[in-house]
Amino acid sequence: MAERATPEPEQPNCLARIITAFTRVRRTMRYLTDATDHATKLLQALASRPIW
């Protein structure tokens, strides 16, 4: 009796991997933009206060 070959687990195709990578990059860029905006607001608040 011949043994059946176990099916390989499906790998995401090229397009799915590209979309996943693009989504991760986009999310990372959004996080960086949000962090930069927050830092800018903090620096502007500090700059508007008198030093003495």
PDB file of N, CA and C in Angstrom:
ATOM      1  N   MET A   1       0.849  -1.182   0.000  1.00  0.00           N
ATOM      2  CA  MET A   1       0.000   0.000   0.000  1.00  0.00           C
ATOM      3  C   MET A   1       0.888   1.237   0.000  1.00  0.00           C
ATOM      4  N   ALA A   2       0.662   2.088  -0.966  1.00  0.00           N
ATOM      5  CA  ALA A   2       1.485   3.290  -1.113  1.00  0.00           C
ATOM      6  C   ALA A   2       1.041   4.341  -0.100  1.00  0.00           C
ATOM      7  N   GLU A   3       2.037   5.033   0.470  1.00  0.00           N
ATOM      8  CA  GLU A   3       1.720   6.089   1.418  1.00  0.00           C
ATOM      9  C   GLU A   3       1.384   7.371   0.679  1.00  0.00           C
ATOM     10  N   ARG A   4       0.427   8.070   1.198  1.00  0.00           N
ATOM     11  CA  ARG A   4       0.077   9.361   0.604  1.00  0.00           C
ATOM     12  C   ARG A   4       1.080  10.405   1.068  1.00  0.00           C
ATOM     13  N   ALA A   5       1.426  11.285   0.157  1.00  0.00           N
ATOM     14  CA  ALA A   5       2.297  12.404   0.527  1.00  0.00           C
ATOM     15  C   ALA A   5       1.463  13.410   1.305  1.00  0.00           C
ATOM     16  N   THR A   6       2.001  13.853   2.420  1.00  0.00           N
ATOM     17  CA  THR A   6       1.257  14.854   3.186  1.00  0.00           C
ATOM     18  C   THR A   6       1.319  16.174   2.438  1.00  0.00           C
ATOM     19  N   PRO A   7       0.215  16.866   2.324  1.00  0.00           N
ATOM     20  CA  PRO A   7       0.233  18.141   1.591  1.00  0.00           C
ATOM     21  C   PRO A   7       1.085  19.169   2.332  1.00  0.00           C
ATOM     22  N   GLU A   8       1.808  19.938   1.558  1.00  0.00           N
ATOM     23  CA  GLU A   8       2.631  21.007   2.123  1.00  0.00           C
ATOM     24  C   GLU A   8       1.719  22.095   2.674  1.00  0.00           C
ATOM     25  N   PRO A   9       2.081  22.698   3.805  1.00  0.00           N
ATOM     26  CA  PRO A   9       1.271  23.831   4.265  1.00  0.00           C
ATOM     27  C   PRO A   9       1.344  24.949   3.231  1.00  0.00           C
ATOM     28  N   GLU A  10       0.216  25.564   3.005  1.00  0.00           N
ATOM     29  CA  GLU A  10       0.174  26.569   1.938  1.00  0.00           C
ATOM     30  C   GLU A  10       0.987  27.801   2.308  1.00  0.00           C
ATOM     31  N   GLN A  11       1.824  28.201   1.388  1.00  0.00           N
ATOM     32  CA  GLN A  11       2.605  29.420   1.545  1.00  0.00           C
ATOM     33  C   GLN A  11       1.801  30.559   0.940  1.00  0.00           C
ATOM     34  N   PRO A  12       1.832  31.733   1.570  1.00  0.00           N
ATOM     35  CA  PRO A  12       1.127  32.859   0.940  1.00  0.00           C
ATOM     36  C   PRO A  12       1.788  33.177  -0.400  1.00  0.00           C
ATOM     37  N   ASN A  13       0.974  33.502  -1.366  1.00  0.00           N
ATOM     38  CA  ASN A  13       1.548  33.781  -2.680  1.00  0.00           C
ATOM     39  C   ASN A  13       2.270  35.124  -2.671  1.00  0.00           C
ATOM     40  N   CYS A  14       2.906  35.411  -3.764  1.00  0.00           N
ATOM     41  CA  CYS A  14       3.757  36.602  -3.853  1.00  0.00           C
ATOM     42  C   CYS A  14       2.949  37.876  -3.607  1.00  0.00           C
ATOM     43  N   LEU A  15       1.783  37.964  -4.193  1.00  0.00           N
ATOM     44  CA  LEU A  15       0.969  39.168  -4.035  1.00  0.00           C
ATOM     45  C   LEU A  15       0.544  39.366  -2.570  1.00  0.00           C
ATOM     46  N   ALA A  16       0.172  38.286  -1.904  1.00  0.00           N
ATOM     47  CA  ALA A  16      -0.219  38.389  -0.502  1.00  0.00           C
ATOM     48  C   ALA A  16       0.949  38.851   0.362  1.00  0.00           C
ATOM     49  N   ARG A  17       2.157  38.351   0.057  1.00  0.00           N
ATOM     50  CA  ARG A  17       3.328  38.778   0.824  1.00  0.00           C
ATOM     51  C   ARG A  17       3.639  40.251   0.590  1.00  0.00           C
ATOM     52  N   ILE A  18       3.477  40.710  -0.648  1.00  0.00           N
ATOM     53  CA  ILE A  18       3.720  42.124  -0.969  1.00  0.00           C
ATOM     54  C   ILE A  18       2.712  43.003  -0.232  1.00  0.00           C
ATOM     55  N   ILE A  19       1.458  42.598  -0.226  1.00  0.00           N
ATOM     56  CA  ILE A  19       0.418  43.374   0.454  1.00  0.00           C
ATOM     57  C   ILE A  19       0.690  43.417   1.957  1.00  0.00           C
ATOM     58  N   THR A  20       1.091  42.288   2.531  1.00  0.00           N
ATOM     59  CA  THR A  20       1.403  42.242   3.961  1.00  0.00           C
ATOM     60  C   THR A  20       2.574  43.162   4.283  1.00  0.00           C
ATOM     61  N   ALA A  21       3.615  43.106   3.464  1.00  0.00           N
ATOM     62  CA  ALA A  21       4.785  43.961   3.693  1.00  0.00           C
ATOM     63  C   ALA A  21       4.398  45.434   3.564  1.00  0.00           C
ATOM     64  N   PHE A  22       3.604  45.775   2.550  1.00  0.00           N
ATOM     65  CA  PHE A  22       3.176  47.153   2.359  1.00  0.00           C
ATOM     66  C   PHE A  22       2.366  47.644   3.550  1.00  0.00           C
ATOM     67  N   THR A  23       1.489  46.773   4.068  1.00  0.00           N
ATOM     68  CA  THR A  23       0.669  47.134   5.216  1.00  0.00           C
ATOM     69  C   THR A  23       1.542  47.405   6.438  1.00  0.00           C
ATOM     70  N   ARG A  24       2.561  46.561   6.647  1.00  0.00           N
ATOM     71  CA  ARG A  24       3.456  46.764   7.785  1.00  0.00           C
ATOM     72  C   ARG A  24       4.235  48.057   7.651  1.00  0.00           C
ATOM     73  N   VAL A  25       4.730  48.335   6.455  1.00  0.00           N
ATOM     74  CA  VAL A  25       5.484  49.569   6.232  1.00  0.00           C
ATOM     75  C   VAL A  25       4.589  50.776   6.460  1.00  0.00           C
ATOM     76  N   ARG A  26       3.378  50.711   5.947  1.00  0.00           N
ATOM     77  CA  ARG A  26       2.442  51.830   6.099  1.00  0.00           C
ATOM     78  C   ARG A  26       2.120  52.085   7.565  1.00  0.00           C
ATOM     79  N   ARG A  27       1.896  50.994   8.325  1.00  0.00           N
ATOM     80  CA  ARG A  27       1.588  51.127   9.750  1.00  0.00           C
ATOM     81  C   ARG A  27       2.784  51.722  10.492  1.00  0.00           C
ATOM     82  N   THR A  28       3.986  51.252  10.158  1.00  0.00           N
ATOM     83  CA  THR A  28       5.188  51.782  10.803  1.00  0.00           C
ATOM     84  C   THR A  28       5.360  53.257  10.502  1.00  0.00           C
ATOM     85  N   MET A  29       5.131  53.657   9.261  1.00  0.00           N
ATOM     86  CA  MET A  29       5.262  55.065   8.892  1.00  0.00           C
ATOM     87  C   MET A  29       4.221  55.912   9.637  1.00  0.00           C
ATOM     88  N   ARG A  30       3.023  55.369   9.812  1.00  0.00           N
ATOM     89  CA  ARG A  30       1.995  56.107  10.558  1.00  0.00           C
ATOM     90  C   ARG A  30       2.415  56.290  12.006  1.00  0.00           C
ATOM     91  N   TYR A  31       2.980  55.236  12.611  1.00  0.00           N
ATOM     92  CA  TYR A  31       3.459  55.349  13.995  1.00  0.00           C
ATOM     93  C   TYR A  31       4.570  56.386  14.094  1.00  0.00           C
ATOM     94  N   LEU A  32       5.492  56.375  13.139  1.00  0.00           N
ATOM     95  CA  LEU A  32       6.580  57.353  13.159  1.00  0.00           C
ATOM     96  C   LEU A  32       6.054  58.770  12.993  1.00  0.00           C
ATOM     97  N   THR A  33       5.086  58.945  12.108  1.00  0.00           N
ATOM     98  CA  THR A  33       4.499  60.265  11.898  1.00  0.00           C
ATOM     99  C   THR A  33       3.802  60.755  13.160  1.00  0.00           C
ATOM    100  N   ASP A  34       3.041  59.859  13.807  1.00  0.00           N
ATOM    101  CA  ASP A  34       2.356  60.240  15.050  1.00  0.00           C
ATOM    102  C   ASP A  34       3.358  60.616  16.137  1.00  0.00           C
ATOM    103  N   ALA A  35       4.429  59.849  16.255  1.00  0.00           N
ATOM    104  CA  ALA A  35       5.447  60.141  17.274  1.00  0.00           C
ATOM    105  C   ALA A  35       6.136  61.467  16.977  1.00  0.00           C
ATOM    106  N   THR A  36       6.422  61.735  15.711  1.00  0.00           N
ATOM    107  CA  THR A  36       7.064  62.994  15.326  1.00  0.00           C
ATOM    108  C   THR A  36       6.145  64.177  15.615  1.00  0.00           C
ATOM    109  N   ASP A  37       4.866  64.037  15.291  1.00  0.00           N
ATOM    110  CA  ASP A  37       3.905  65.107  15.575  1.00  0.00           C
ATOM    111  C   ASP A  37       3.809  65.378  17.075  1.00  0.00           C
ATOM    112  N   HIS A  38       3.797  64.323  17.862  1.00  0.00           N
ATOM    113  CA  HIS A  38       3.719  64.488  19.320  1.00  0.00           C
ATOM    114  C   HIS A  38       4.972  65.192  19.846  1.00  0.00           C
ATOM    115  N   ALA A  39       6.137  64.784  19.359  1.00  0.00           N
ATOM    116  CA  ALA A  39       7.387  65.412  19.793  1.00  0.00           C
ATOM    117  C   ALA A  39       7.424  66.884  19.383  1.00  0.00           C
ATOM    118  N   THR A  40       6.919  67.188  18.202  1.00  0.00           N
ATOM    119  CA  THR A  40       6.880  68.573  17.737  1.00  0.00           C
ATOM    120  C   THR A  40       6.005  69.426  18.648  1.00  0.00           C
ATOM    121  N   LYS A  41       4.843  68.905  19.022  1.00  0.00           N
ATOM    122  CA  LYS A  41       3.948  69.646  19.916  1.00  0.00           C
ATOM    123  C   LYS A  41       4.614  69.889  21.266  1.00  0.00           C
ATOM    124  N   LEU A  42       5.299  68.859  21.794  1.00  0.00           N
ATOM    125  CA  LEU A  42       5.973  69.038  23.079  1.00  0.00           C
ATOM    126  C   LEU A  42       7.070  70.092  22.988  1.00  0.00           C
ATOM    127  N   LEU A  43       7.856  70.045  21.923  1.00  0.00           N
ATOM    128  CA  LEU A  43       8.930  71.024  21.761  1.00  0.00           C
ATOM    129  C   LEU A  43       8.382  72.427  21.586  1.00  0.00           C
ATOM    130  N   GLN A  44       7.280  72.569  20.853  1.00  0.00           N
ATOM    131  CA  GLN A  44       6.677  73.894  20.689  1.00  0.00           C
ATOM    132  C   GLN A  44       6.158  74.412  22.024  1.00  0.00           C
ATOM    133  N   ALA A  45       5.596  73.525  22.844  1.00  0.00           N
ATOM    134  CA  ALA A  45       5.102  73.934  24.156  1.00  0.00           C
ATOM    135  C   ALA A  45       6.263  74.377  25.032  1.00  0.00           C
ATOM    136  N   LEU A  46       7.369  73.656  24.979  1.00  0.00           N
ATOM    137  CA  LEU A  46       8.540  74.045  25.765  1.00  0.00           C
ATOM    138  C   LEU A  46       9.151  75.343  25.268  1.00  0.00           C
ATOM    139  N   ALA A  47       9.160  75.547  23.966  1.00  0.00           N
ATOM    140  CA  ALA A  47       9.762  76.743  23.391  1.00  0.00           C
ATOM    141  C   ALA A  47       8.940  77.988  23.704  1.00  0.00           C
ATOM    142  N   SER A  48       7.640  77.833  23.899  1.00  0.00           N
ATOM    143  CA  SER A  48       6.790  78.997  24.159  1.00  0.00           C
ATOM    144  C   SER A  48       6.855  79.446  25.629  1.00  0.00           C
ATOM    145  N   ARG A  49       7.396  78.604  26.494  1.00  0.00           N
ATOM    146  CA  ARG A  49       7.505  78.974  27.917  1.00  0.00           C
ATOM    147  C   ARG A  49       8.724  79.847  28.142  1.00  0.00           C
ATOM    148  N   PRO A  50       8.613  80.804  29.038  1.00  0.00           N
ATOM    149  CA  PRO A  50       9.788  81.621  29.350  1.00  0.00           C
ATOM    150  C   PRO A  50      10.865  80.789  30.049  1.00  0.00           C
ATOM    151  N   ILE A  51      12.109  81.095  29.768  1.00  0.00           N
ATOM    152  CA  ILE A  51      13.212  80.323  30.314  1.00  0.00           C
ATOM    153  C   ILE A  51      13.390  80.603  31.804  1.00  0.00           C
ATOM    154  N   TRP A  52      13.214  81.837  32.225  1.00  0.00           N
ATOM    155  CA  TRP A  52      13.432  82.168  33.620  1.00  0.00           C
ATOM    156  C   TRP A  52      12.252  81.751  34.377  1.00  0.00           C
TER     157      TRP A  52
END
